[in-house]
N, C-alpha and C. Protein backbone atom coordinates (compact mmCIF):
# COMPACT_ATOMS: atom_id res chain seq x y z
N UNK A 1 99.35 96.31 94.48
CA UNK A 1 100.22 97.32 95.01
C UNK A 1 99.71 97.83 96.35
N UNK A 2 98.42 97.96 96.46
CA UNK A 2 97.85 98.46 97.71
C UNK A 2 98.25 97.59 98.89
N UNK A 3 98.19 96.30 98.71
CA UNK A 3 98.57 95.38 99.79
C UNK A 3 100.07 95.41 100.03
N UNK A 4 100.85 95.51 98.97
CA UNK A 4 102.31 95.55 99.08
C UNK A 4 102.77 96.75 99.92
N UNK A 5 102.12 97.89 99.73
CA UNK A 5 102.49 99.10 100.46
C UNK A 5 101.68 99.28 101.75
N UNK A 6 100.79 98.37 102.05
CA UNK A 6 100.05 98.41 103.31
C UNK A 6 98.97 99.47 103.38
N UNK A 7 98.34 99.77 102.25
CA UNK A 7 97.25 100.75 102.24
C UNK A 7 95.99 100.05 102.74
N UNK A 8 95.44 100.50 103.85
CA UNK A 8 94.25 99.83 104.40
C UNK A 8 92.99 100.16 103.63
N UNK A 9 91.99 99.34 103.82
CA UNK A 9 90.67 99.64 103.27
C UNK A 9 90.05 100.77 104.09
N UNK A 10 89.23 101.56 103.42
CA UNK A 10 88.53 102.63 104.14
C UNK A 10 87.03 102.41 103.95
N UNK A 11 86.27 102.99 104.79
CA UNK A 11 84.81 102.83 104.74
C UNK A 11 84.41 101.36 104.70
N UNK A 12 85.16 100.57 105.42
CA UNK A 12 84.89 99.14 105.63
C UNK A 12 85.21 98.24 104.44
N UNK A 13 84.81 98.59 103.23
CA UNK A 13 85.05 97.68 102.10
C UNK A 13 85.79 98.33 100.94
N UNK A 14 85.79 99.64 100.85
CA UNK A 14 86.45 100.31 99.73
C UNK A 14 87.96 100.32 99.93
N UNK A 15 88.71 100.06 98.88
CA UNK A 15 90.17 100.13 99.01
C UNK A 15 90.61 101.58 99.18
N UNK A 16 91.69 101.77 99.93
CA UNK A 16 92.22 103.11 100.11
C UNK A 16 92.76 103.64 98.79
N UNK A 17 92.87 104.96 98.69
CA UNK A 17 93.41 105.58 97.48
C UNK A 17 94.65 106.38 97.89
N UNK A 18 95.82 105.85 97.53
CA UNK A 18 97.08 106.47 97.89
C UNK A 18 97.96 106.53 96.64
N UNK A 19 98.60 107.68 96.44
CA UNK A 19 99.54 107.85 95.33
C UNK A 19 100.94 107.93 95.90
N UNK A 20 101.85 107.15 95.34
CA UNK A 20 103.25 107.16 95.73
C UNK A 20 104.07 107.71 94.58
N UNK A 21 105.00 108.61 94.88
CA UNK A 21 105.97 109.07 93.89
C UNK A 21 107.30 108.43 94.27
N UNK A 22 107.81 107.62 93.36
CA UNK A 22 109.05 106.88 93.60
C UNK A 22 110.08 107.36 92.59
N UNK A 23 111.26 107.76 93.07
CA UNK A 23 112.27 108.29 92.16
C UNK A 23 113.00 107.17 91.42
N UNK A 24 113.94 107.56 90.57
CA UNK A 24 114.66 106.60 89.74
C UNK A 24 115.52 105.64 90.54
N UNK A 25 115.82 106.01 91.78
CA UNK A 25 116.62 105.14 92.65
C UNK A 25 115.75 104.22 93.49
N UNK A 26 114.43 104.31 93.31
CA UNK A 26 113.52 103.45 94.04
C UNK A 26 113.13 103.97 95.41
N UNK A 27 113.41 105.24 95.68
CA UNK A 27 113.09 105.84 96.97
C UNK A 27 111.72 106.53 96.88
N UNK A 28 110.86 106.24 97.84
CA UNK A 28 109.55 106.89 97.89
C UNK A 28 109.78 108.33 98.32
N UNK A 29 109.44 109.27 97.44
CA UNK A 29 109.67 110.69 97.69
C UNK A 29 108.43 111.43 98.16
N UNK A 30 107.27 110.87 97.89
CA UNK A 30 106.04 111.56 98.29
C UNK A 30 104.90 110.55 98.39
N UNK A 31 104.06 110.73 99.39
CA UNK A 31 102.87 109.90 99.56
C UNK A 31 101.69 110.84 99.72
N UNK A 32 100.67 110.61 98.93
CA UNK A 32 99.45 111.42 99.05
C UNK A 32 98.27 110.48 99.25
N UNK A 33 97.50 110.75 100.29
CA UNK A 33 96.39 109.87 100.67
C UNK A 33 95.11 110.69 100.74
N UNK A 34 94.20 110.42 99.82
CA UNK A 34 92.89 111.09 99.85
C UNK A 34 91.89 110.22 99.13
N UNK A 35 90.84 109.86 99.80
CA UNK A 35 89.82 109.00 99.22
C UNK A 35 88.90 109.77 98.27
N UNK A 36 88.69 111.05 98.53
CA UNK A 36 87.69 111.79 97.78
C UNK A 36 88.25 112.84 96.81
N UNK A 37 89.43 113.36 97.07
CA UNK A 37 89.97 114.45 96.26
C UNK A 37 90.83 113.90 95.13
N UNK A 38 90.18 113.44 94.07
CA UNK A 38 90.86 112.77 92.96
C UNK A 38 91.83 113.71 92.24
N UNK A 39 91.41 114.94 92.01
CA UNK A 39 92.25 115.89 91.29
C UNK A 39 93.52 116.21 92.07
N UNK A 40 93.43 116.21 93.38
CA UNK A 40 94.60 116.52 94.20
C UNK A 40 95.69 115.47 94.03
N UNK A 41 95.33 114.23 93.74
CA UNK A 41 96.34 113.21 93.50
C UNK A 41 97.21 113.62 92.31
N UNK A 42 96.59 114.13 91.26
CA UNK A 42 97.32 114.56 90.06
C UNK A 42 98.14 115.80 90.37
N UNK A 43 97.53 116.79 91.01
CA UNK A 43 98.21 118.04 91.32
C UNK A 43 99.42 117.80 92.22
N UNK A 44 99.23 117.05 93.28
CA UNK A 44 100.33 116.75 94.20
C UNK A 44 101.45 115.99 93.49
N UNK A 45 101.07 115.04 92.66
CA UNK A 45 102.07 114.24 91.95
C UNK A 45 102.89 115.11 91.01
N UNK A 46 102.23 115.94 90.22
CA UNK A 46 102.94 116.81 89.28
C UNK A 46 103.84 117.80 90.00
N UNK A 47 103.37 118.38 91.08
CA UNK A 47 104.20 119.32 91.85
C UNK A 47 105.44 118.64 92.41
N UNK A 48 105.27 117.43 92.89
CA UNK A 48 106.41 116.69 93.44
C UNK A 48 107.42 116.35 92.35
N UNK A 49 106.93 115.87 91.22
CA UNK A 49 107.83 115.49 90.12
C UNK A 49 108.57 116.72 89.59
N UNK A 50 107.90 117.85 89.49
CA UNK A 50 108.54 119.08 89.02
C UNK A 50 109.65 119.54 89.96
N UNK A 51 109.55 119.18 91.22
CA UNK A 51 110.56 119.61 92.20
C UNK A 51 111.85 118.78 92.13
N UNK A 52 111.85 117.70 91.37
CA UNK A 52 113.06 116.86 91.26
C UNK A 52 114.12 117.55 90.46
């Protein structure tokens, strides 16, 4: 998936960490990119989904 969505590697060899929220129609509604803030991926995702 990372390659499909074009998420680059960071820190030379580590894969990037990006969360995508895609709605039922297949539209990307939110993108969150953070290599270090793991909890924020969950928080951002839940907040976005609740807003639907």
